[in-house]
Amino acid sequence: MVATTRQRALEAAVELLGAEGIRALTHARVDERAGLPLGSTSNWFRTRRSLIGGVVDWIAEQERADLEPAGMPEIRGVEELIDGLCAMVELQAGPFAARTRARYALFLELAGDPGLGEPLRRQRREFERWTEGIVTAVGIMDPVPATRALMALGDGLLLHRLTVDPGLEMRPAIERTVRALAGS
């Protein structure tokens, strides 16, 4: 499938955000990164605010597609939960690292903007509910605080891997935390 101009612009915007941060996000820089004629991005997103909104929606859409239930393995036990969390964090720090960095940059930039930040927060709440369902299915007591602990751990590990220690081995921390929460 050939990517549309809009898709190319959004993909380039996410890469730009992930590599250079929110201040680098301009229509001209997105056009350049996407290899599009000057003005192409502004045809889809007239203002910087609408471009940011488009990127926020795009990231949320891509992450929802990653978590399609049909494509996910069923997690029934502690070992599968550990493996699943490790795989997810590795994806976010590896092939999806630019998107992860872009999401973090947007979370920080849009913390005080209820309109633009809402799709990211809604996506986060959906992910929390999904994770809570898995934590419950595995039999971990007090699934809400356990889910929050696992998500905070994942965010911390990702941030550390993406900023300080690219070689950080994440499995020991995930394994220790899941086992502690499961009481095993």
C-alpha atoms as a PDB file:
ATOM      1  CA  MET A   1       0.000   0.000   0.000  1.00  0.00           C
ATOM      2  CA  VAL A   2       1.328   3.416  -0.947  1.00  0.00           C
ATOM      3  CA  ALA A   3       1.339   5.927   1.889  1.00  0.00           C
ATOM      4  CA  THR A   4      -0.669   9.073   1.303  1.00  0.00           C
ATOM      5  CA  THR A   5       0.875  12.503   1.655  1.00  0.00           C
ATOM      6  CA  ARG A   6      -0.918  12.853   4.991  1.00  0.00           C
ATOM      7  CA  GLN A   7       0.468   9.512   6.267  1.00  0.00           C
ATOM      8  CA  ARG A   8       3.967  10.398   5.123  1.00  0.00           C
ATOM      9  CA  ALA A   9       3.725  13.761   6.887  1.00  0.00           C
ATOM     10  CA  LEU A  10       2.488  12.173  10.122  1.00  0.00           C
ATOM     11  CA  GLU A  11       5.147   9.458  10.085  1.00  0.00           C
ATOM     12  CA  ALA A  12       7.830  12.080   9.462  1.00  0.00           C
ATOM     13  CA  ALA A  13       6.421  14.287  12.239  1.00  0.00           C
ATOM     14  CA  VAL A  14       6.630  11.396  14.721  1.00  0.00           C
ATOM     15  CA  GLU A  15      10.213  10.654  13.653  1.00  0.00           C
ATOM     16  CA  LEU A  16      11.124  14.337  13.944  1.00  0.00           C
ATOM     17  CA  LEU A  17       9.529  14.630  17.393  1.00  0.00           C
ATOM     18  CA  GLY A  18      11.220  11.442  18.544  1.00  0.00           C
ATOM     19  CA  ALA A  19      14.627  12.527  17.304  1.00  0.00           C
ATOM     20  CA  GLU A  20      14.659  16.262  17.979  1.00  0.00           C
ATOM     21  CA  GLY A  21      11.790  17.104  20.329  1.00  0.00           C
ATOM     22  CA  ILE A  22       8.740  19.323  20.182  1.00  0.00           C
ATOM     23  CA  ARG A  23      10.560  22.508  19.168  1.00  0.00           C
ATOM     24  CA  ALA A  24      11.707  20.864  15.940  1.00  0.00           C
ATOM     25  CA  LEU A  25       8.121  20.227  14.844  1.00  0.00           C
ATOM     26  CA  THR A  26       7.415  22.677  12.036  1.00  0.00           C
ATOM     27  CA  HIS A  27       5.554  22.228   8.776  1.00  0.00           C
ATOM     28  CA  ALA A  28       8.688  22.857   6.732  1.00  0.00           C
ATOM     29  CA  ARG A  29      10.800  20.408   8.752  1.00  0.00           C
ATOM     30  CA  VAL A  30       8.117  17.726   8.410  1.00  0.00           C
ATOM     31  CA  ASP A  31       7.936  18.294   4.641  1.00  0.00           C
ATOM     32  CA  GLU A  32      11.709  18.030   4.399  1.00  0.00           C
ATOM     33  CA  ARG A  33      11.908  14.861   6.509  1.00  0.00           C
ATOM     34  CA  ALA A  34       9.048  13.221   4.575  1.00  0.00           C
ATOM     35  CA  GLY A  35      10.543  14.182   1.218  1.00  0.00           C
ATOM     36  CA  LEU A  36       7.411  16.158   0.360  1.00  0.00           C
ATOM     37  CA  PRO A  37       7.127  19.404  -1.581  1.00  0.00           C
ATOM     38  CA  LEU A  38       7.206  22.470   0.648  1.00  0.00           C
ATOM     39  CA  GLY A  39       3.699  23.272   1.886  1.00  0.00           C
ATOM     40  CA  SER A  40       2.388  19.709   1.697  1.00  0.00           C
ATOM     41  CA  THR A  41       2.027  19.263   5.450  1.00  0.00           C
ATOM     42  CA  SER A  42       0.254  22.588   5.837  1.00  0.00           C
ATOM     43  CA  ASN A  43      -2.311  21.459   3.252  1.00  0.00           C
ATOM     44  CA  TRP A  44      -3.405  18.821   5.784  1.00  0.00           C
ATOM     45  CA  PHE A  45      -2.645  20.694   9.001  1.00  0.00           C
ATOM     46  CA  ARG A  46      -3.055  24.456   8.606  1.00  0.00           C
ATOM     47  CA  THR A  47      -1.626  25.437  11.992  1.00  0.00           C
ATOM     48  CA  ARG A  48       1.055  24.063  14.264  1.00  0.00           C
ATOM     49  CA  ARG A  49      -1.672  23.250  16.782  1.00  0.00           C
ATOM     50  CA  SER A  50      -3.562  21.175  14.195  1.00  0.00           C
ATOM     51  CA  LEU A  51      -0.295  19.423  13.245  1.00  0.00           C
ATOM     52  CA  ILE A  52       0.314  18.544  16.900  1.00  0.00           C
ATOM     53  CA  GLY A  53      -3.285  17.334  17.170  1.00  0.00           C
ATOM     54  CA  GLY A  54      -2.824  15.191  14.076  1.00  0.00           C
ATOM     55  CA  VAL A  55       0.361  13.668  15.497  1.00  0.00           C
ATOM     56  CA  VAL A  56      -1.338  12.936  18.828  1.00  0.00           C
ATOM     57  CA  ASP A  57      -4.213  11.178  17.056  1.00  0.00           C
ATOM     58  CA  TRP A  58      -1.811   9.298  14.765  1.00  0.00           C
ATOM     59  CA  ILE A  59       0.273   7.970  17.671  1.00  0.00           C
ATOM     60  CA  ALA A  60      -2.858   6.816  19.492  1.00  0.00           C
ATOM     61  CA  GLU A  61      -4.155   5.145  16.307  1.00  0.00           C
ATOM     62  CA  GLN A  62      -0.864   3.319  15.732  1.00  0.00           C
ATOM     63  CA  GLU A  63      -0.702   2.138  19.335  1.00  0.00           C
ATOM     64  CA  ARG A  64      -4.290   0.850  19.215  1.00  0.00           C
ATOM     65  CA  ALA A  65      -3.411  -1.096  16.075  1.00  0.00           C
ATOM     66  CA  ASP A  66      -0.409  -2.619  17.894  1.00  0.00           C
ATOM     67  CA  LEU A  67      -2.704  -3.873  20.653  1.00  0.00           C
ATOM     68  CA  GLU A  68      -5.374  -5.529  18.517  1.00  0.00           C
ATOM     69  CA  PRO A  69      -6.629  -8.439  20.661  1.00  0.00           C
ATOM     70  CA  ALA A  70      -6.605 -10.849  17.716  1.00  0.00           C
ATOM     71  CA  GLY A  71      -2.866 -10.365  17.271  1.00  0.00           C
ATOM     72  CA  MET A  72      -1.924 -10.674  20.931  1.00  0.00           C
ATOM     73  CA  PRO A  73      -1.029 -13.948  22.649  1.00  0.00           C
ATOM     74  CA  GLU A  74      -3.273 -15.000  25.501  1.00  0.00           C
ATOM     75  CA  ILE A  75      -1.650 -14.389  28.865  1.00  0.00           C
ATOM     76  CA  ARG A  76      -2.774 -16.864  31.518  1.00  0.00           C
ATOM     77  CA  GLY A  77       0.056 -16.962  34.032  1.00  0.00           C
ATOM     78  CA  VAL A  78       2.905 -15.091  35.652  1.00  0.00           C
ATOM     79  CA  GLU A  79       5.550 -16.367  33.195  1.00  0.00           C
ATOM     80  CA  GLU A  80       3.476 -15.281  30.192  1.00  0.00           C
ATOM     81  CA  LEU A  81       2.895 -11.869  31.820  1.00  0.00           C
ATOM     82  CA  ILE A  82       6.627 -11.416  32.380  1.00  0.00           C
ATOM     83  CA  ASP A  83       7.383 -12.449  28.788  1.00  0.00           C
ATOM     84  CA  GLY A  84       4.630 -10.198  27.418  1.00  0.00           C
ATOM     85  CA  LEU A  85       5.732  -7.142  29.382  1.00  0.00           C
ATOM     86  CA  CYS A  86       9.363  -7.705  28.389  1.00  0.00           C
ATOM     87  CA  ALA A  87       8.398  -8.007  24.727  1.00  0.00           C
ATOM     88  CA  MET A  88       6.261  -4.876  24.870  1.00  0.00           C
ATOM     89  CA  VAL A  89       8.926  -2.766  26.556  1.00  0.00           C
ATOM     90  CA  GLU A  90      11.554  -4.026  24.094  1.00  0.00           C
ATOM     91  CA  LEU A  91       9.313  -3.008  21.171  1.00  0.00           C
ATOM     92  CA  GLN A  92       8.739   0.442  22.647  1.00  0.00           C
ATOM     93  CA  ALA A  93      12.479   0.919  23.211  1.00  0.00           C
ATOM     94  CA  GLY A  94      13.489  -0.690  19.904  1.00  0.00           C
ATOM     95  CA  PRO A  95      11.473  -0.562  16.690  1.00  0.00           C
ATOM     96  CA  PHE A  96       8.999   1.971  18.147  1.00  0.00           C
ATOM     97  CA  ALA A  97      11.583   4.107  19.980  1.00  0.00           C
ATOM     98  CA  ALA A  98      10.930   7.254  17.910  1.00  0.00           C
ATOM     99  CA  ARG A  99       7.218   6.957  18.579  1.00  0.00           C
ATOM    100  CA  THR A 100       7.845   6.372  22.293  1.00  0.00           C
ATOM    101  CA  ARG A 101      10.073   9.450  22.510  1.00  0.00           C
ATOM    102  CA  ALA A 102       7.497  11.466  20.571  1.00  0.00           C
ATOM    103  CA  ARG A 103       4.725  10.320  22.925  1.00  0.00           C
ATOM    104  CA  TYR A 104       6.770  11.317  25.989  1.00  0.00           C
ATOM    105  CA  ALA A 105       7.597  14.707  24.440  1.00  0.00           C
ATOM    106  CA  LEU A 106       3.925  15.291  23.708  1.00  0.00           C
ATOM    107  CA  PHE A 107       2.833  14.190  27.189  1.00  0.00           C
ATOM    108  CA  LEU A 108       5.192  16.763  28.696  1.00  0.00           C
ATOM    109  CA  GLU A 109       4.304  19.522  26.248  1.00  0.00           C
ATOM    110  CA  LEU A 110       0.552  18.979  26.413  1.00  0.00           C
ATOM    111  CA  ALA A 111       0.183  18.323  30.148  1.00  0.00           C
ATOM    112  CA  GLY A 112      -1.690  21.595  30.594  1.00  0.00           C
ATOM    113  CA  ASP A 113      -3.661  21.458  27.343  1.00  0.00           C
ATOM    114  CA  PRO A 114      -6.900  19.554  27.949  1.00  0.00           C
ATOM    115  CA  GLY A 115      -7.907  19.517  24.276  1.00  0.00           C
ATOM    116  CA  LEU A 116      -4.748  18.358  22.555  1.00  0.00           C
ATOM    117  CA  GLY A 117      -3.576  16.095  25.357  1.00  0.00           C
ATOM    118  CA  GLU A 118      -6.850  14.217  25.767  1.00  0.00           C
ATOM    119  CA  PRO A 119      -6.295  11.617  22.991  1.00  0.00           C
ATOM    120  CA  LEU A 120      -2.980  10.637  24.619  1.00  0.00           C
ATOM    121  CA  ARG A 121      -4.553  10.432  28.060  1.00  0.00           C
ATOM    122  CA  ARG A 122      -7.508   8.453  26.679  1.00  0.00           C
ATOM    123  CA  GLN A 123      -5.090   6.036  24.997  1.00  0.00           C
ATOM    124  CA  ARG A 124      -3.234   5.664  28.289  1.00  0.00           C
ATOM    125  CA  ARG A 125      -6.493   4.885  30.129  1.00  0.00           C
ATOM    126  CA  GLU A 126      -7.394   2.260  27.484  1.00  0.00           C
ATOM    127  CA  PHE A 127      -3.988   0.658  27.920  1.00  0.00           C
ATOM    128  CA  GLU A 128      -4.430   0.710  31.709  1.00  0.00           C
ATOM    129  CA  ARG A 129      -7.817  -1.075  31.403  1.00  0.00           C
ATOM    130  CA  TRP A 130      -6.322  -3.650  29.023  1.00  0.00           C
ATOM    131  CA  THR A 131      -3.381  -4.268  31.359  1.00  0.00           C
ATOM    132  CA  GLU A 132      -5.673  -4.450  34.391  1.00  0.00           C
ATOM    133  CA  GLY A 133      -7.683  -7.171  32.632  1.00  0.00           C
ATOM    134  CA  ILE A 134      -4.522  -9.188  32.101  1.00  0.00           C
ATOM    135  CA  VAL A 135      -3.325  -8.629  35.675  1.00  0.00           C
ATOM    136  CA  THR A 136      -6.740  -9.785  36.923  1.00  0.00           C
ATOM    137  CA  ALA A 137      -6.718 -12.848  34.642  1.00  0.00           C
ATOM    138  CA  VAL A 138      -3.295 -13.840  35.956  1.00  0.00           C
ATOM    139  CA  GLY A 139      -4.692 -13.739  39.494  1.00  0.00           C
ATOM    140  CA  ILE A 140      -2.711 -10.853  40.940  1.00  0.00           C
ATOM    141  CA  MET A 141      -4.491  -9.393  43.960  1.00  0.00           C
ATOM    142  CA  ASP A 142      -5.415  -5.701  43.978  1.00  0.00           C
ATOM    143  CA  PRO A 143      -5.219  -5.344  40.175  1.00  0.00           C
ATOM    144  CA  VAL A 144      -5.614  -1.544  40.032  1.00  0.00           C
ATOM    145  CA  PRO A 145      -2.538  -0.663  42.128  1.00  0.00           C
ATOM    146  CA  ALA A 146      -0.649  -3.607  40.594  1.00  0.00           C
ATOM    147  CA  THR A 147      -1.411  -2.304  37.103  1.00  0.00           C
ATOM    148  CA  ARG A 148      -0.278   1.198  38.041  1.00  0.00           C
ATOM    149  CA  ALA A 149       2.948  -0.199  39.502  1.00  0.00           C
ATOM    150  CA  LEU A 150       3.668  -2.231  36.359  1.00  0.00           C
ATOM    151  CA  MET A 151       2.948   0.718  34.093  1.00  0.00           C
ATOM    152  CA  ALA A 152       5.111   3.053  36.177  1.00  0.00           C
ATOM    153  CA  LEU A 153       7.899   0.481  36.095  1.00  0.00           C
ATOM    154  CA  GLY A 154       7.575   0.163  32.319  1.00  0.00           C
ATOM    155  CA  ASP A 155       7.661   3.935  31.855  1.00  0.00           C
ATOM    156  CA  GLY A 156      10.688   4.249  34.104  1.00  0.00           C
ATOM    157  CA  LEU A 157      12.562   1.460  32.348  1.00  0.00           C
ATOM    158  CA  LEU A 158      11.710   2.901  28.937  1.00  0.00           C
ATOM    159  CA  LEU A 159      12.782   6.394  29.896  1.00  0.00           C
ATOM    160  CA  HIS A 160      16.025   5.067  31.356  1.00  0.00           C
ATOM    161  CA  ARG A 161      16.726   2.917  28.269  1.00  0.00           C
ATOM    162  CA  LEU A 162      15.932   5.750  25.839  1.00  0.00           C
ATOM    163  CA  THR A 163      17.901   8.455  27.649  1.00  0.00           C
ATOM    164  CA  VAL A 164      20.599   7.106  29.959  1.00  0.00           C
ATOM    165  CA  ASP A 165      21.415   3.447  29.385  1.00  0.00           C
ATOM    166  CA  PRO A 166      20.633   2.035  25.926  1.00  0.00           C
ATOM    167  CA  GLY A 167      21.909  -1.376  27.031  1.00  0.00           C
ATOM    168  CA  LEU A 168      19.751  -1.601  30.155  1.00  0.00           C
ATOM    169  CA  GLU A 169      18.580  -5.169  30.766  1.00  0.00           C
ATOM    170  CA  MET A 170      14.922  -4.706  31.648  1.00  0.00           C
ATOM    171  CA  ARG A 171      13.855  -8.298  32.285  1.00  0.00           C
ATOM    172  CA  PRO A 172      15.247  -8.633  35.844  1.00  0.00           C
ATOM    173  CA  ALA A 173      13.270  -5.609  37.075  1.00  0.00           C
ATOM    174  CA  ILE A 174      10.097  -6.730  35.304  1.00  0.00           C
ATOM    175  CA  GLU A 175      10.445 -10.288  36.567  1.00  0.00           C
ATOM    176  CA  ARG A 176      11.117  -9.242  40.149  1.00  0.00           C
ATOM    177  CA  THR A 177       8.166  -6.813  40.154  1.00  0.00           C
ATOM    178  CA  VAL A 178       5.664  -9.215  38.596  1.00  0.00           C
ATOM    179  CA  ARG A 179       6.694 -11.993  40.997  1.00  0.00           C
ATOM    180  CA  ALA A 180       6.406  -9.656  43.986  1.00  0.00           C
ATOM    181  CA  LEU A 181       2.961  -8.486  42.891  1.00  0.00           C
ATOM    182  CA  ALA A 182       1.874 -12.083  42.277  1.00  0.00           C
ATOM    183  CA  GLY A 183       3.211 -13.143  45.663  1.00  0.00           C
ATOM    184  CA  SER A 184       5.423 -15.825  44.150  1.00  0.00           C
END
